[in-house]
Amino acid sequence: MTEGQYASVRHPAYRAAIGAGLCGLVLHPNTSQLLWTMFIGATFIGFIPTEEARLCSPGRGVPSYMERTPWRLARGIW
């Protein structure tokens, strides 16, 4: 996939999940929601390098996709 959100970042579904958590925090501002959003965000941020290392095995087209799409989660940041 190199169209839509996948053209700008490599993990748009993770970004959407973190965004949904932040929206939930706006709707229900409490400590539990904050901790949940931080947990989900940290889990995804920690998992991305592991997932990409597994996908870079020989014979897969992922390294060329990673070159075309340099940003992992947030364009211009990471």
C-alpha atoms as a PDB file:
ATOM      1  CA  MET A   1       0.000   0.000   0.000  1.00  0.00           C
ATOM      2  CA  THR A   2       1.467   3.300  -1.044  1.00  0.00           C
ATOM      3  CA  GLU A   3      -1.698   5.378  -1.354  1.00  0.00           C
ATOM      4  CA  GLY A   4      -3.692   7.460   1.072  1.00  0.00           C
ATOM      5  CA  GLN A   5      -2.326   7.552   4.606  1.00  0.00           C
ATOM      6  CA  TYR A   6       0.264   4.877   3.791  1.00  0.00           C
ATOM      7  CA  ALA A   7       1.936   7.331   1.405  1.00  0.00           C
ATOM      8  CA  SER A   8       2.809   9.704   4.273  1.00  0.00           C
ATOM      9  CA  VAL A   9       3.550   7.365   7.229  1.00  0.00           C
ATOM     10  CA  ARG A  10       4.226   3.638   7.533  1.00  0.00           C
ATOM     11  CA  HIS A  11       1.882   2.956  10.461  1.00  0.00           C
ATOM     12  CA  PRO A  12      -1.305   5.017  10.030  1.00  0.00           C
ATOM     13  CA  ALA A  13      -3.448   2.504  11.952  1.00  0.00           C
ATOM     14  CA  TYR A  14      -1.277   2.935  15.041  1.00  0.00           C
ATOM     15  CA  ARG A  15      -1.488   6.694  14.634  1.00  0.00           C
ATOM     16  CA  ALA A  16      -5.272   6.454  14.397  1.00  0.00           C
ATOM     17  CA  ALA A  17      -5.473   4.343  17.564  1.00  0.00           C
ATOM     18  CA  ILE A  18      -3.377   6.875  19.480  1.00  0.00           C
ATOM     19  CA  GLY A  19      -5.545   9.669  18.081  1.00  0.00           C
ATOM     20  CA  ALA A  20      -8.692   7.851  19.195  1.00  0.00           C
ATOM     21  CA  GLY A  21      -7.229   7.564  22.685  1.00  0.00           C
ATOM     22  CA  LEU A  22      -6.518  11.289  22.704  1.00  0.00           C
ATOM     23  CA  CYS A  23     -10.081  12.009  21.567  1.00  0.00           C
ATOM     24  CA  GLY A  24     -11.356   9.808  24.401  1.00  0.00           C
ATOM     25  CA  LEU A  25      -9.215  11.846  26.774  1.00  0.00           C
ATOM     26  CA  VAL A  26     -10.872  15.038  25.557  1.00  0.00           C
ATOM     27  CA  LEU A  27     -14.341  13.510  26.020  1.00  0.00           C
ATOM     28  CA  HIS A  28     -13.572  11.883  29.383  1.00  0.00           C
ATOM     29  CA  PRO A  29     -10.721  13.781  31.010  1.00  0.00           C
ATOM     30  CA  ASN A  30      -9.636  11.556  33.869  1.00  0.00           C
ATOM     31  CA  THR A  31      -6.519   9.810  35.080  1.00  0.00           C
ATOM     32  CA  SER A  32      -7.599   6.378  33.845  1.00  0.00           C
ATOM     33  CA  GLN A  33      -8.105   7.606  30.287  1.00  0.00           C
ATOM     34  CA  LEU A  34      -4.760   9.418  30.374  1.00  0.00           C
ATOM     35  CA  LEU A  35      -2.947   6.301  31.577  1.00  0.00           C
ATOM     36  CA  TRP A  36      -4.691   4.141  28.967  1.00  0.00           C
ATOM     37  CA  THR A  37      -3.748   6.530  26.144  1.00  0.00           C
ATOM     38  CA  MET A  38      -0.143   6.679  27.354  1.00  0.00           C
ATOM     39  CA  PHE A  39      -0.004   2.865  27.614  1.00  0.00           C
ATOM     40  CA  ILE A  40      -1.368   2.350  24.104  1.00  0.00           C
ATOM     41  CA  GLY A  41       0.969   4.995  22.652  1.00  0.00           C
ATOM     42  CA  ALA A  42       4.040   3.565  24.386  1.00  0.00           C
ATOM     43  CA  THR A  43       3.134   0.043  23.310  1.00  0.00           C
ATOM     44  CA  PHE A  44       2.836   1.019  19.649  1.00  0.00           C
ATOM     45  CA  ILE A  45       5.971   3.163  19.700  1.00  0.00           C
ATOM     46  CA  GLY A  46       7.905   0.296  21.275  1.00  0.00           C
ATOM     47  CA  PHE A  47       6.496  -2.299  18.874  1.00  0.00           C
ATOM     48  CA  ILE A  48       7.153  -0.453  15.598  1.00  0.00           C
ATOM     49  CA  PRO A  49      10.938  -1.124  15.426  1.00  0.00           C
ATOM     50  CA  THR A  50      10.381  -4.823  16.231  1.00  0.00           C
ATOM     51  CA  GLU A  51       7.688  -5.154  13.577  1.00  0.00           C
ATOM     52  CA  GLU A  52       9.789  -3.415  10.926  1.00  0.00           C
ATOM     53  CA  ALA A  53      12.822  -5.585  11.698  1.00  0.00           C
ATOM     54  CA  ARG A  54      10.738  -8.705  11.103  1.00  0.00           C
ATOM     55  CA  LEU A  55       9.305  -7.314   7.876  1.00  0.00           C
ATOM     56  CA  CYS A  56      12.779  -6.572   6.478  1.00  0.00           C
ATOM     57  CA  SER A  57      13.626 -10.227   5.940  1.00  0.00           C
ATOM     58  CA  PRO A  58      15.126 -11.107   2.521  1.00  0.00           C
ATOM     59  CA  GLY A  59      12.749 -11.288  -0.410  1.00  0.00           C
ATOM     60  CA  ARG A  60      10.203  -8.800   0.861  1.00  0.00           C
ATOM     61  CA  GLY A  61       9.527  -5.407  -0.698  1.00  0.00           C
ATOM     62  CA  VAL A  62       9.392  -3.629   2.641  1.00  0.00           C
ATOM     63  CA  PRO A  63      12.861  -1.976   2.544  1.00  0.00           C
ATOM     64  CA  SER A  64      12.006  -0.161  -0.700  1.00  0.00           C
ATOM     65  CA  TYR A  65       8.675   0.951   0.822  1.00  0.00           C
ATOM     66  CA  MET A  66      10.567   2.189   3.892  1.00  0.00           C
ATOM     67  CA  GLU A  67      12.844   4.253   1.650  1.00  0.00           C
ATOM     68  CA  ARG A  68       9.854   5.834  -0.135  1.00  0.00           C
ATOM     69  CA  THR A  69       8.035   6.458   3.163  1.00  0.00           C
ATOM     70  CA  PRO A  70      10.631   7.583   5.708  1.00  0.00           C
ATOM     71  CA  TRP A  71       8.254   8.575   8.515  1.00  0.00           C
ATOM     72  CA  ARG A  72       6.995   5.865  10.864  1.00  0.00           C
ATOM     73  CA  LEU A  73       4.199   7.400  12.901  1.00  0.00           C
ATOM     74  CA  ALA A  74       4.098  11.176  12.546  1.00  0.00           C
ATOM     75  CA  ARG A  75       5.274  12.987   9.439  1.00  0.00           C
ATOM     76  CA  GLY A  76       8.201  15.243  10.162  1.00  0.00           C
ATOM     77  CA  ILE A  77       8.699  13.857  13.685  1.00  0.00           C
ATOM     78  CA  TRP A  78       9.317  10.086  13.666  1.00  0.00           C
END
